[in-house]
N, C-alpha and C. Protein backbone atom coordinates (compact mmCIF):
# COMPACT_ATOMS: atom_id res chain seq x y z
N MET A 1 0.70 -1.33 -0.11
CA MET A 1 0.04 0.08 -0.06
C MET A 1 0.63 1.28 -0.13
N PRO A 2 0.57 2.18 -1.01
CA PRO A 2 1.35 3.36 -0.92
C PRO A 2 1.25 4.28 0.28
N SER A 3 2.43 4.99 0.50
CA SER A 3 2.11 5.97 1.55
C SER A 3 1.43 7.30 1.10
N GLU A 4 1.15 8.16 2.23
CA GLU A 4 0.50 9.02 1.61
C GLU A 4 1.34 10.23 0.79
N PHE A 5 2.40 10.11 0.83
CA PHE A 5 3.58 10.94 0.36
C PHE A 5 3.66 10.26 -1.27
N GLU A 6 3.63 8.98 -1.43
CA GLU A 6 3.61 8.60 -2.84
C GLU A 6 2.44 8.49 -3.32
N ARG A 7 1.36 8.60 -2.76
CA ARG A 7 0.00 8.68 -3.39
C ARG A 7 -0.06 10.05 -3.99
N LEU A 8 0.14 11.22 -3.18
CA LEU A 8 0.33 12.42 -3.71
C LEU A 8 1.09 12.85 -4.75
N TYR A 9 2.37 12.26 -4.68
CA TYR A 9 3.26 12.39 -5.73
C TYR A 9 2.69 11.54 -6.91
N ALA A 10 2.10 10.73 -6.90
CA ALA A 10 1.57 10.15 -8.09
C ALA A 10 0.23 10.98 -8.92
N GLU A 11 -0.48 11.61 -7.88
CA GLU A 11 -1.69 12.17 -8.29
C GLU A 11 -1.08 13.66 -8.97
N LEU A 12 -0.16 14.28 -8.32
CA LEU A 12 0.40 15.55 -8.74
C LEU A 12 1.06 15.15 -10.31
N SER A 13 1.85 14.07 -10.36
CA SER A 13 2.16 13.80 -11.57
C SER A 13 1.58 13.57 -12.69
N LEU A 14 0.46 12.91 -12.46
CA LEU A 14 -0.51 12.53 -13.38
C LEU A 14 -1.48 13.91 -13.76
N PHE A 15 -1.91 14.67 -12.93
CA PHE A 15 -2.40 16.29 -13.19
C PHE A 15 -1.63 16.83 -14.06
N VAL A 16 -0.07 17.08 -13.71
CA VAL A 16 0.88 17.74 -14.55
C VAL A 16 0.68 17.36 -15.83
N LEU A 17 0.97 15.85 -15.88
CA LEU A 17 0.94 15.33 -17.34
C LEU A 17 -0.36 15.49 -18.61
N LYS A 18 -1.41 15.19 -17.38
CA LYS A 18 -2.61 15.46 -18.35
C LYS A 18 -2.75 17.00 -18.73
N GLN A 19 -2.65 17.75 -17.95
CA GLN A 19 -2.67 19.47 -18.31
C GLN A 19 -1.71 19.87 -19.05
N ARG A 20 -0.50 19.10 -19.07
CA ARG A 20 0.61 19.57 -20.07
C ARG A 20 0.81 21.11 -19.57
N ASN A 21 1.14 21.27 -18.20
CA ASN A 21 1.32 22.70 -17.65
C ASN A 21 2.53 22.86 -17.10
N ARG A 22 3.52 22.08 -17.48
CA ARG A 22 4.79 22.15 -16.81
C ARG A 22 5.28 23.53 -16.44
N GLN A 23 5.70 24.54 -17.30
CA GLN A 23 5.78 25.64 -17.10
C GLN A 23 4.89 26.22 -16.06
N ARG A 24 3.66 26.27 -16.07
CA ARG A 24 3.10 26.96 -15.47
C ARG A 24 2.72 26.66 -13.86
N VAL A 25 3.06 25.00 -13.68
CA VAL A 25 3.55 24.69 -12.49
C VAL A 25 4.88 25.15 -11.75
N ALA A 26 5.71 25.29 -12.79
CA ALA A 26 7.07 25.87 -12.10
C ALA A 26 7.00 27.29 -11.80
N ASP A 27 6.21 28.05 -12.56
CA ASP A 27 5.99 29.51 -12.39
C ASP A 27 5.58 29.73 -11.04
N LEU A 28 4.38 28.75 -10.69
CA LEU A 28 3.69 29.05 -9.32
C LEU A 28 4.41 28.35 -8.40
N SER A 29 5.02 27.49 -8.70
CA SER A 29 5.71 26.81 -7.43
C SER A 29 7.10 27.42 -6.71
N GLY A 30 7.52 27.99 -7.94
CA GLY A 30 9.09 28.80 -7.74
C GLY A 30 10.16 27.69 -8.06
N LEU A 31 9.65 26.48 -8.39
CA LEU A 31 10.56 25.81 -8.98
C LEU A 31 11.14 25.83 -10.29
N HIS A 32 12.37 25.63 -10.49
CA HIS A 32 12.80 25.63 -12.31
C HIS A 32 12.13 24.52 -12.77
N LEU A 33 12.04 25.06 -14.02
CA LEU A 33 11.22 24.18 -14.95
C LEU A 33 12.06 22.67 -15.15
N ASN A 34 13.10 22.71 -15.13
CA ASN A 34 14.12 21.27 -15.14
C ASN A 34 13.45 20.47 -13.92
N THR A 35 13.45 20.98 -12.74
CA THR A 35 13.36 20.32 -11.50
C THR A 35 11.85 19.78 -11.90
N VAL A 36 10.88 20.53 -12.17
CA VAL A 36 9.51 20.05 -12.19
C VAL A 36 9.34 18.93 -13.30
N CYS A 37 10.16 19.03 -14.36
CA CYS A 37 9.94 18.19 -15.51
C CYS A 37 10.71 16.69 -15.02
N GLU A 38 11.53 16.70 -14.37
CA GLU A 38 12.67 15.68 -13.71
C GLU A 38 11.70 14.91 -12.75
N VAL A 39 10.97 15.51 -11.79
CA VAL A 39 10.37 15.07 -10.68
C VAL A 39 8.80 14.16 -11.29
N ILE A 40 8.41 15.14 -12.32
CA ILE A 40 7.16 14.58 -13.11
C ILE A 40 7.70 13.21 -13.93
N ASN A 41 8.56 13.23 -14.40
CA ASN A 41 9.18 12.15 -15.19
C ASN A 41 9.98 10.94 -14.42
N GLY A 42 9.79 11.03 -13.01
CA GLY A 42 10.42 10.43 -12.39
C GLY A 42 12.05 10.09 -12.31
N LYS A 43 12.70 11.04 -13.00
CA LYS A 43 14.21 11.05 -13.02
C LYS A 43 14.77 11.77 -11.42
N ARG A 44 13.87 12.14 -10.66
CA ARG A 44 14.42 12.81 -9.47
C ARG A 44 13.28 12.51 -8.31
N ASN A 45 13.47 12.12 -7.24
CA ASN A 45 12.79 11.84 -6.18
C ASN A 45 12.60 13.31 -5.62
N PRO A 46 11.35 13.74 -5.09
CA PRO A 46 11.04 15.07 -4.68
C PRO A 46 11.15 14.97 -3.33
N ASN A 47 11.63 16.06 -2.62
CA ASN A 47 11.52 15.93 -0.92
C ASN A 47 10.23 16.35 -0.71
N LEU A 48 10.05 16.61 0.73
CA LEU A 48 8.74 17.15 1.14
C LEU A 48 8.49 18.48 0.55
N GLN A 49 9.60 19.49 0.82
CA GLN A 49 9.22 20.72 0.35
C GLN A 49 9.02 21.02 -1.17
N THR A 50 9.52 20.23 -1.98
CA THR A 50 9.21 20.26 -3.53
C THR A 50 7.90 19.53 -3.61
N LEU A 51 7.53 18.77 -3.07
CA LEU A 51 6.12 18.05 -2.97
C LEU A 51 5.30 18.84 -2.84
N ILE A 52 5.40 19.72 -1.63
CA ILE A 52 4.49 20.90 -1.05
C ILE A 52 4.28 22.26 -2.28
N ALA A 53 5.47 22.29 -2.71
CA ALA A 53 5.57 23.39 -3.82
C ALA A 53 4.73 22.86 -5.04
N LEU A 54 4.76 21.78 -5.35
CA LEU A 54 4.12 21.41 -6.62
C LEU A 54 2.70 21.19 -5.99
N GLU A 55 2.19 20.83 -4.94
CA GLU A 55 1.02 20.58 -4.47
C GLU A 55 0.15 22.12 -4.55
N ARG A 56 0.86 22.99 -3.96
CA ARG A 56 0.00 24.45 -3.90
C ARG A 56 0.06 24.88 -5.39
N ALA A 57 0.86 24.42 -6.38
CA ALA A 57 0.62 25.13 -7.79
C ALA A 57 -0.11 24.21 -8.18
N CYS A 58 -0.54 23.04 -8.19
CA CYS A 58 -1.32 22.42 -8.90
C CYS A 58 -2.72 22.77 -8.13
N ASN A 59 -2.79 23.16 -6.99
CA ASN A 59 -3.91 23.59 -6.43
C ASN A 59 -4.52 24.73 -6.95
N GLN A 60 -3.66 25.68 -7.24
CA GLN A 60 -3.90 27.01 -7.61
C GLN A 60 -4.32 26.81 -9.15
N ILE A 61 -4.11 25.71 -9.82
CA ILE A 61 -4.46 25.84 -11.23
C ILE A 61 -5.80 25.02 -11.24
N LYS A 62 -6.02 24.02 -10.43
CA LYS A 62 -7.39 23.40 -10.43
C LYS A 62 -8.48 24.46 -9.77
N SER A 63 -7.98 25.21 -9.16
CA SER A 63 -8.77 26.36 -8.72
C SER A 63 -9.48 27.43 -9.89
N ASN A 64 -8.41 27.70 -10.83
CA ASN A 64 -8.59 28.40 -11.67
C ASN A 64 -9.42 27.61 -12.86
N LEU A 65 -9.11 26.46 -13.05
CA LEU A 65 -9.77 25.53 -14.07
C LEU A 65 -11.27 25.64 -13.48
N THR A 66 -11.76 25.31 -12.41
CA THR A 66 -12.95 25.10 -11.69
C THR A 66 -13.68 26.67 -11.80
N ILE A 67 -13.10 27.74 -11.62
CA ILE A 67 -13.53 29.10 -11.98
C ILE A 67 -14.02 29.50 -13.59
N SER A 68 -13.05 29.02 -14.21
CA SER A 68 -13.35 29.29 -15.65
C SER A 68 -14.42 28.48 -16.40
N ASN A 69 -14.57 27.32 -15.60
CA ASN A 69 -15.64 26.25 -16.03
C ASN A 69 -17.05 26.60 -15.56
């Protein structure tokens, strides 16, 4: 059974891949685009701080999608 960290990591990766919004996530999270891409593509394991930054950025994007729909 995956941990909460692993579940969140998988959920965020899937969202970014489906939305094709790596640059937007990088801008909102304050992370470098290369970092976002490497984390999402599984080439780098995120630490907790990185995962939190990604989650905040994705939640902001999700909020904007909900408002515009």
